[in-house]
Amino acid sequence: MLEEYRKIAGSNAIDEIQLIADRLKGKTVLHVNSTAVGGGVAEILNRMIPMMTELGLKPKWELIKGGDDFYAVTKKFHNALHGHEQDLTPKDYQVYKDTLKMNMEGMSLDYDMLFIHDPQPAALIEKRNSSKNKWIWRCHIDISHPAEEVWDFLKQYVLKHDAMIISAPNFSQKIPIPQMLVPPSIDPLSDKNKELSDEEVKKIMARLQIPTDKPLITQVSRFDRLKDPVGVLEAFKKIQHYVTARLLLVGGPADDDPEGAAVLAEVRQMADGNPDIIILCLPPTSNIEINAIQRASSVILQKSLKEGFGLTVSEALWKGKPVIAGAVGGIPLQITHKYSGILVRSIDGTAYWMKRLVHEPEYARRLGENGREHVRENFLLTRHLRDYLLICLYLESGKETFIRL
């Protein structure tokens, strides 16, 4: 599997990964998160686990189990960590503790390295019974300005880990454990990102009944308020009298997001009766369909209000598409404004750049070309795997500041 990436990522990158992995052969590695489908974490782990196995490590992937009440609480945690005050009660915190206690009783945590992804499984660290294994809390959320109450609650667990991984420099916190910067990544060979012929794209668009007689302006993301699909609709309506185009909002549910259905209903109500707005809800496994939709689009949006990283930006850039995205979270790491994409901070700004990129296809093409090369250099899965292996080696070596390979 790893050899397939040599032409895309370069021989030096693959050789470096193999060299690092040789020092970690036989090490057991556990990844724990909250869902097997929907969202960037699941997509990354689906591809990374087999690669770790091929390199001689012994990885495993476990899921936190919880009921609707647990996911309602962790959704509040998610929003609070993004800076939105939430009405959390003592009962909410108790639901979290009780659910994690139940998971501890049914989950083996005896591994050399443990990657604990996001707030849902953070309290698993309470079951730690040895200083020999190394625990890493991997935060995919924008915690630059978290609500103090929730961060203080979670911090009691975070500080018991050996290290914290963040996705952007401004997410760092004043805490005594080491913090590592590891942006997420895309897999260029997955169904969502692999090359497709024009004929394949046409067939998939026809099957999905998405017309392509007008330029498509597309946003692909969960129907989540922080992705601001309502703001996207408002921006598009501002330009409808000036451009010939269609707006396509594509999303799907995530197992750990109870708000998605309400947001989708609101979006459908706003779009009702507008013939140039298409709302498409796809299953979370619709990777080849998302690939084709992005390739068929003229402009791609990610108008997030808050964002941990926003992998849909790198996915779109990898396909050479011009991207308009919110200047939040990890998105500015992926886009240099007016060079490899467009960063926006308002509905009016989004509307302006939608209109301009539809009317200036040559400028849009150059943005897409620059963006693709930026992704090739910085945001492919091979770089992500290398970073995780280096962190394992760093912690396993006793936190040496210089490691000789």
Protein backbone atom coordinates (compact mmCIF):
# COMPACT_ATOMS: atom_id res chain seq x y z
CA MET A 1 0.00 0.00 0.00
CA LEU A 2 2.70 2.50 0.99
CA GLU A 3 4.57 2.06 -2.30
CA GLU A 4 1.50 3.35 -4.15
CA TYR A 5 2.17 6.80 -2.67
CA ARG A 6 5.75 7.05 -3.89
CA LYS A 7 4.87 8.78 -7.18
CA ILE A 8 2.59 11.28 -5.44
CA ALA A 9 4.46 12.07 -2.20
CA GLY A 10 7.98 11.40 -3.48
CA SER A 11 10.52 8.67 -2.73
CA ASN A 12 12.21 10.63 0.04
CA ALA A 13 8.96 10.87 2.00
CA ILE A 14 8.29 7.13 1.76
CA ASP A 15 11.87 6.18 2.63
CA GLU A 16 11.76 8.45 5.69
CA ILE A 17 8.52 6.83 6.92
CA GLN A 18 10.03 3.35 6.57
CA LEU A 19 13.19 4.41 8.40
CA ILE A 20 11.23 5.79 11.37
CA ALA A 21 8.87 2.80 11.46
CA ASP A 22 11.81 0.40 11.69
CA ARG A 23 12.45 1.81 15.19
CA LEU A 24 8.86 1.09 16.21
CA LYS A 25 8.29 -2.42 14.82
CA GLY A 26 6.09 -4.53 17.07
CA LYS A 27 4.78 -1.57 19.08
CA THR A 28 1.06 -1.73 19.87
CA VAL A 29 -0.92 1.43 19.07
CA LEU A 30 -4.55 2.18 19.97
CA HIS A 31 -6.68 4.91 18.41
CA VAL A 32 -9.97 5.77 20.14
CA ASN A 33 -12.63 8.12 18.76
CA SER A 34 -16.42 8.40 18.69
CA THR A 35 -17.51 7.33 15.21
CA ALA A 36 -16.43 4.99 12.42
CA VAL A 37 -18.11 7.02 9.67
CA GLY A 38 -18.70 10.72 9.07
CA GLY A 39 -16.03 13.35 9.70
CA GLY A 40 -12.33 13.67 9.01
CA VAL A 41 -11.07 11.62 11.97
CA ALA A 42 -12.79 8.45 10.79
CA GLU A 43 -11.62 8.99 7.22
CA ILE A 44 -8.00 9.39 8.29
CA LEU A 45 -8.01 6.35 10.59
CA ASN A 46 -9.65 4.15 7.95
CA ARG A 47 -6.57 4.62 5.78
CA MET A 48 -3.85 5.08 8.40
CA ILE A 49 -4.46 1.89 10.39
CA PRO A 50 -3.62 -0.44 7.44
CA MET A 51 -0.49 1.60 6.69
CA MET A 52 0.73 1.24 10.27
CA THR A 53 0.15 -2.51 10.04
CA GLU A 54 2.15 -2.72 6.82
CA LEU A 55 5.04 -0.90 8.53
CA GLY A 56 5.26 -3.53 11.26
CA LEU A 57 3.35 -1.83 14.06
CA LYS A 58 0.31 -3.43 15.71
CA PRO A 59 -2.47 -0.84 15.59
CA LYS A 60 -6.10 -1.12 16.68
CA TRP A 61 -9.06 1.25 16.40
CA GLU A 62 -11.77 1.38 19.08
CA LEU A 63 -14.96 3.43 19.33
CA ILE A 64 -16.47 5.07 22.39
CA LYS A 65 -19.98 3.74 22.99
CA GLY A 66 -22.73 5.96 24.35
CA GLY A 67 -26.40 6.78 24.14
CA ASP A 68 -28.19 9.83 22.77
CA ASP A 69 -27.78 11.65 26.07
CA PHE A 70 -24.00 11.18 25.93
CA TYR A 71 -23.72 12.54 22.38
CA ALA A 72 -25.97 15.48 23.28
CA VAL A 73 -23.54 16.34 26.08
CA THR A 74 -20.41 15.94 23.94
CA LYS A 75 -22.01 18.10 21.24
CA LYS A 76 -22.36 20.80 23.91
CA PHE A 77 -18.69 20.22 24.77
CA HIS A 78 -17.82 20.60 21.09
CA ASN A 79 -19.67 23.91 20.78
CA ALA A 80 -18.26 25.19 24.09
CA LEU A 81 -14.69 24.41 23.09
CA HIS A 82 -15.30 26.45 19.95
CA GLY A 83 -16.14 29.38 22.22
CA HIS A 84 -19.94 29.19 22.37
CA GLU A 85 -21.33 29.22 25.90
CA GLN A 86 -23.54 26.20 26.59
CA ASP A 87 -26.10 25.44 29.28
CA LEU A 88 -24.42 22.48 30.97
CA THR A 89 -25.83 20.99 34.17
CA PRO A 90 -24.27 18.75 36.82
CA LYS A 91 -26.31 15.93 35.28
CA ASP A 92 -24.59 16.50 31.90
CA TYR A 93 -21.15 16.12 33.45
CA GLN A 94 -22.32 13.02 35.29
CA VAL A 95 -23.62 11.48 32.05
CA TYR A 96 -20.16 11.98 30.56
CA LYS A 97 -18.38 10.41 33.54
CA ASP A 98 -20.78 7.46 33.76
CA THR A 99 -20.49 6.73 30.02
CA LEU A 100 -16.69 6.82 30.13
CA LYS A 101 -16.66 4.57 33.20
CA MET A 102 -18.80 2.05 31.32
CA ASN A 103 -16.38 2.18 28.37
CA MET A 104 -13.37 1.70 30.64
CA GLU A 105 -14.87 -1.50 31.99
CA GLY A 106 -15.34 -2.96 28.51
CA MET A 107 -12.21 -1.75 26.72
CA SER A 108 -8.65 -3.01 26.92
CA LEU A 109 -6.20 -0.10 27.18
CA ASP A 110 -2.99 -2.09 27.52
CA TYR A 111 -1.07 -0.65 24.53
CA ASP A 112 2.33 0.94 24.06
CA MET A 113 0.88 4.09 22.49
CA LEU A 114 -2.67 5.44 22.80
CA PHE A 115 -4.10 8.21 20.62
CA ILE A 116 -7.27 9.55 22.26
CA HIS A 117 -9.18 11.64 19.73
CA ASP A 118 -11.21 14.66 20.91
CA PRO A 119 -13.34 15.15 24.06
CA GLN A 120 -15.55 12.07 23.82
CA PRO A 121 -12.95 9.53 25.03
CA ALA A 122 -10.68 11.94 26.97
CA ALA A 123 -11.55 10.53 30.41
CA LEU A 124 -10.33 7.05 29.45
CA ILE A 125 -7.00 8.22 30.89
CA GLU A 126 -8.50 7.53 34.33
CA LYS A 127 -7.93 3.82 33.66
CA ARG A 128 -4.21 4.32 33.09
CA ASN A 129 -2.35 1.82 35.24
CA SER A 130 1.22 2.08 34.00
CA SER A 131 3.70 4.83 33.24
CA LYS A 132 5.24 2.64 30.55
CA ASN A 133 2.51 3.20 27.99
CA LYS A 134 2.24 6.63 26.39
CA TRP A 135 -1.03 8.54 26.09
CA ILE A 136 -1.60 11.31 23.53
CA TRP A 137 -4.71 13.48 23.47
CA ARG A 138 -5.34 14.37 19.84
CA CYS A 139 -7.54 17.49 19.64
CA HIS A 140 -9.14 18.14 16.24
CA ILE A 141 -11.18 21.09 17.55
CA ASP A 142 -10.47 24.83 17.48
CA ILE A 143 -9.76 25.44 21.18
CA SER A 144 -8.22 28.88 20.72
CA HIS A 145 -10.96 30.51 22.85
CA PRO A 146 -12.79 27.73 24.70
CA ALA A 147 -15.62 28.31 27.18
CA GLU A 148 -13.79 28.26 30.49
CA GLU A 149 -16.09 25.89 32.39
CA VAL A 150 -15.93 23.07 29.84
CA TRP A 151 -12.20 23.47 29.19
CA ASP A 152 -11.49 23.36 32.93
CA PHE A 153 -13.51 20.14 33.18
CA LEU A 154 -11.73 18.45 30.27
CA LYS A 155 -8.32 19.79 31.22
CA GLN A 156 -8.24 17.60 34.32
CA TYR A 157 -8.09 14.62 31.94
CA VAL A 158 -5.92 16.23 29.26
CA LEU A 159 -3.13 17.00 31.74
CA LYS A 160 -2.82 13.32 32.65
CA HIS A 161 -1.72 12.56 29.07
CA ASP A 162 1.92 12.60 28.00
CA ALA A 163 1.30 15.03 25.14
CA MET A 164 -1.38 16.93 23.26
CA ILE A 165 -1.62 17.22 19.48
CA ILE A 166 -3.28 20.28 17.92
CA SER A 167 -4.07 21.16 14.30
CA ALA A 168 -3.05 24.83 14.21
CA PRO A 169 -0.60 27.03 16.19
CA ASN A 170 -3.32 29.28 17.63
CA PHE A 171 -4.99 26.27 19.31
CA SER A 172 -2.13 25.93 21.81
CA GLN A 173 -2.87 26.24 25.53
CA LYS A 174 -0.89 27.22 28.61
CA ILE A 175 -0.45 23.72 29.98
CA PRO A 176 2.60 21.85 31.30
CA ILE A 177 2.51 18.85 28.93
CA PRO A 178 4.20 18.97 25.48
CA GLN A 179 2.04 20.21 22.60
CA MET A 180 2.70 19.08 19.02
CA LEU A 181 1.43 20.66 15.82
CA VAL A 182 0.09 18.02 13.42
CA PRO A 183 -2.39 19.26 10.82
CA PRO A 184 -4.80 16.62 9.48
CA SER A 185 -4.45 15.25 5.97
CA ILE A 186 -6.18 13.79 2.96
CA ASP A 187 -5.53 10.48 1.28
CA PRO A 188 -4.86 11.14 -2.44
CA LEU A 189 -5.63 7.52 -3.35
CA SER A 190 -8.93 7.15 -1.49
CA ASP A 191 -12.24 7.07 -3.34
CA LYS A 192 -12.87 10.65 -2.24
CA ASN A 193 -9.64 12.00 -3.76
CA LYS A 194 -8.38 9.65 -6.48
CA GLU A 195 -8.33 10.76 -10.10
CA LEU A 196 -11.59 10.35 -12.05
CA SER A 197 -12.08 10.63 -15.79
CA ASP A 198 -14.50 13.19 -17.22
CA GLU A 199 -16.74 10.34 -18.29
CA GLU A 200 -16.83 8.89 -14.77
CA VAL A 201 -17.73 12.31 -13.36
CA LYS A 202 -20.54 12.75 -15.89
CA LYS A 203 -22.04 9.35 -15.09
CA ILE A 204 -22.04 9.96 -11.35
CA MET A 205 -23.56 13.43 -11.70
CA ALA A 206 -26.28 11.99 -13.94
CA ARG A 207 -27.01 9.23 -11.42
CA LEU A 208 -27.30 11.82 -8.64
CA GLN A 209 -29.56 13.91 -10.91
CA ILE A 210 -27.42 17.02 -10.47
CA PRO A 211 -27.64 19.22 -13.59
CA THR A 212 -24.37 20.60 -14.94
CA ASP A 213 -25.73 23.07 -17.50
CA LYS A 214 -24.67 25.96 -15.24
CA PRO A 215 -21.52 26.50 -13.15
CA LEU A 216 -21.83 24.77 -9.79
CA ILE A 217 -20.89 26.54 -6.55
CA THR A 218 -20.64 23.77 -3.97
CA GLN A 219 -20.19 23.35 -0.23
CA VAL A 220 -19.53 19.82 1.08
CA SER A 221 -19.81 19.47 4.85
CA ARG A 222 -22.00 18.19 7.65
CA PHE A 223 -25.19 20.16 8.20
CA ASP A 224 -23.72 21.86 11.24
CA ARG A 225 -24.32 25.45 12.35
CA LEU A 226 -20.58 26.03 12.62
CA LYS A 227 -20.25 25.18 8.90
CA ASP A 228 -22.77 28.01 8.27
CA PRO A 229 -24.90 26.54 5.46
CA VAL A 230 -27.46 29.27 6.18
CA GLY A 231 -24.80 31.93 5.54
CA VAL A 232 -23.90 30.19 2.29
CA LEU A 233 -27.52 30.38 1.17
CA GLU A 234 -27.72 34.07 2.04
CA ALA A 235 -24.52 34.82 0.12
CA PHE A 236 -25.73 32.96 -2.97
CA LYS A 237 -29.09 34.75 -2.97
CA LYS A 238 -27.20 38.08 -3.04
CA ILE A 239 -25.56 37.20 -6.37
CA GLN A 240 -28.33 35.31 -8.14
CA HIS A 241 -29.36 38.33 -10.22
CA TYR A 242 -25.76 38.82 -11.42
CA VAL A 243 -24.46 35.33 -12.20
CA THR A 244 -25.66 32.25 -14.01
CA ALA A 245 -24.88 29.46 -11.54
CA ARG A 246 -26.33 26.88 -9.20
CA LEU A 247 -25.64 26.42 -5.51
CA LEU A 248 -25.19 22.86 -4.29
CA LEU A 249 -25.11 22.07 -0.57
CA VAL A 250 -23.99 18.50 0.05
CA GLY A 251 -23.89 16.97 3.49
CA GLY A 252 -24.62 13.93 5.54
CA PRO A 253 -25.13 12.79 9.10
CA ALA A 254 -22.45 11.92 11.64
CA ASP A 255 -23.20 9.39 14.37
CA ASP A 256 -22.02 11.77 17.11
CA ASP A 257 -23.90 14.93 15.95
CA PRO A 258 -27.51 15.11 17.16
CA GLU A 259 -28.09 18.64 15.75
CA GLY A 260 -27.65 17.72 12.09
CA ALA A 261 -31.29 16.94 11.32
CA ALA A 262 -32.50 20.29 12.68
CA VAL A 263 -29.94 22.23 10.65
CA LEU A 264 -30.81 20.30 7.49
CA ALA A 265 -34.53 21.09 7.97
CA GLU A 266 -33.75 24.79 8.37
CA VAL A 267 -31.61 24.82 5.23
CA ARG A 268 -34.29 23.05 3.19
CA GLN A 269 -36.89 25.56 4.34
CA MET A 270 -34.67 28.50 3.28
CA ALA A 271 -34.02 26.96 -0.14
CA ASP A 272 -37.62 25.98 -0.83
CA GLY A 273 -38.84 27.20 -4.21
CA ASN A 274 -35.45 28.40 -5.48
CA PRO A 275 -34.74 26.40 -8.66
CA ASP A 276 -31.00 27.14 -8.57
CA ILE A 277 -30.39 25.78 -5.06
CA ILE A 278 -29.92 22.04 -4.60
CA ILE A 279 -29.77 20.41 -1.16
CA LEU A 280 -28.34 16.90 -1.25
CA CYS A 281 -28.09 14.62 1.78
CA LEU A 282 -25.77 11.68 1.13
CA PRO A 283 -24.75 8.72 3.30
CA PRO A 284 -21.34 9.20 4.96
CA THR A 285 -19.87 6.46 2.75
CA SER A 286 -20.57 8.40 -0.49
CA ASN A 287 -16.89 9.07 -1.13
CA ILE A 288 -16.79 8.52 -4.88
CA GLU A 289 -19.87 10.71 -5.24
CA ILE A 290 -18.26 13.55 -3.27
CA ASN A 291 -15.17 13.21 -5.45
CA ALA A 292 -17.22 13.57 -8.63
CA ILE A 293 -19.24 16.49 -7.26
CA GLN A 294 -16.10 18.42 -6.35
CA ARG A 295 -14.56 17.76 -9.77
CA ALA A 296 -17.75 18.90 -11.51
CA SER A 297 -17.91 22.15 -9.51
CA SER A 298 -16.57 25.51 -10.66
CA VAL A 299 -16.13 26.97 -7.17
CA ILE A 300 -16.08 25.23 -3.79
CA LEU A 301 -16.96 26.79 -0.45
CA GLN A 302 -16.19 26.03 3.17
CA LYS A 303 -17.76 28.99 4.93
CA SER A 304 -17.05 27.79 8.46
CA LEU A 305 -17.60 30.04 11.46
CA LYS A 306 -15.37 27.81 13.60
CA GLU A 307 -13.19 24.98 12.36
CA GLY A 308 -10.66 22.57 13.74
CA PHE A 309 -9.04 22.22 10.34
CA GLY A 310 -11.59 21.74 7.55
CA LEU A 311 -10.35 18.83 5.44
CA THR A 312 -12.88 19.60 2.72
CA VAL A 313 -10.65 22.56 1.82
CA SER A 314 -7.63 20.35 1.10
CA GLU A 315 -9.88 17.84 -0.69
CA ALA A 316 -11.14 20.55 -3.04
CA LEU A 317 -7.71 22.10 -3.56
CA TRP A 318 -6.28 18.66 -4.39
CA LYS A 319 -8.70 18.57 -7.32
CA GLY A 320 -7.40 21.92 -8.55
CA LYS A 321 -10.53 23.82 -7.59
CA PRO A 322 -10.73 27.45 -6.39
CA VAL A 323 -11.89 27.48 -2.78
CA ILE A 324 -13.60 30.24 -0.81
CA ALA A 325 -13.37 29.50 2.91
CA GLY A 326 -13.84 31.08 6.31
CA ALA A 327 -10.64 32.54 7.76
CA VAL A 328 -10.94 30.45 10.92
CA GLY A 329 -9.22 27.56 12.67
CA GLY A 330 -6.82 25.59 10.49
CA ILE A 331 -8.17 26.88 7.19
CA PRO A 332 -5.57 29.69 6.84
CA LEU A 333 -2.87 26.99 7.00
CA GLN A 334 -4.35 25.57 3.80
CA ILE A 335 -5.08 28.80 1.95
CA THR A 336 -2.90 31.82 1.24
CA HIS A 337 -5.41 34.53 0.39
CA LYS A 338 -5.58 35.37 -3.32
CA TYR A 339 -2.78 32.89 -4.09
CA SER A 340 -4.03 29.38 -3.30
CA GLY A 341 -7.63 30.26 -2.48
CA ILE A 342 -9.80 32.94 -0.91
CA LEU A 343 -10.35 33.64 2.79
CA VAL A 344 -13.56 35.38 3.87
CA ARG A 345 -15.01 36.75 7.10
CA SER A 346 -18.55 37.76 6.13
CA ILE A 347 -21.55 36.88 4.02
CA ASP A 348 -20.96 39.93 1.80
CA GLY A 349 -17.34 38.92 1.27
CA THR A 350 -18.42 35.40 0.36
CA ALA A 351 -20.94 36.77 -2.14
CA TYR A 352 -18.34 39.06 -3.73
CA TRP A 353 -15.84 36.25 -4.29
CA MET A 354 -18.49 33.81 -5.53
CA LYS A 355 -19.45 36.30 -8.21
CA ARG A 356 -15.85 37.16 -9.13
CA LEU A 357 -14.61 33.58 -9.46
CA VAL A 358 -17.56 32.56 -11.61
CA HIS A 359 -16.91 35.55 -13.89
CA GLU A 360 -13.10 35.11 -13.94
CA PRO A 361 -12.47 31.41 -14.68
CA GLU A 362 -8.78 31.91 -15.55
CA TYR A 363 -8.06 33.50 -12.17
CA ALA A 364 -10.06 30.71 -10.53
CA ARG A 365 -7.99 28.11 -12.38
CA ARG A 366 -4.70 29.62 -11.15
CA LEU A 367 -5.93 29.61 -7.56
CA GLY A 368 -6.79 25.92 -7.91
CA GLU A 369 -3.40 25.01 -9.39
CA ASN A 370 -1.52 26.77 -6.59
CA GLY A 371 -3.74 25.16 -3.99
CA ARG A 372 -3.12 21.66 -5.31
CA GLU A 373 0.64 22.05 -5.03
CA HIS A 374 0.32 23.43 -1.51
CA VAL A 375 -1.67 20.34 -0.50
CA ARG A 376 0.87 18.03 -2.16
CA GLU A 377 3.66 19.56 -0.09
CA ASN A 378 1.87 19.79 3.26
CA PHE A 379 -1.40 17.90 3.70
CA LEU A 380 -1.11 14.37 2.33
CA LEU A 381 -1.63 11.29 4.50
CA THR A 382 2.02 10.27 4.22
CA ARG A 383 3.13 13.44 6.04
CA HIS A 384 0.49 12.84 8.72
CA LEU A 385 1.65 9.25 9.23
CA ARG A 386 5.28 10.38 9.50
CA ASP A 387 4.35 12.94 12.17
CA TYR A 388 2.49 10.35 14.25
CA LEU A 389 5.40 7.92 14.03
CA LEU A 390 7.85 10.64 15.09
CA ILE A 391 5.70 11.48 18.10
CA CYS A 392 5.61 7.81 19.09
CA LEU A 393 9.40 7.64 18.75
CA TYR A 394 9.84 10.84 20.75
CA LEU A 395 7.70 9.61 23.65
CA GLU A 396 9.12 6.09 23.53
CA SER A 397 12.68 7.44 23.65
CA GLY A 398 12.08 9.38 26.85
CA LYS A 399 11.38 12.70 25.11
CA GLU A 400 14.83 13.15 23.60
CA THR A 401 15.14 16.47 21.80
CA PHE A 402 17.29 14.93 19.06
CA ILE A 403 16.62 11.45 17.69
CA ARG A 404 19.20 9.75 15.51
CA LEU A 405 17.69 7.45 12.89
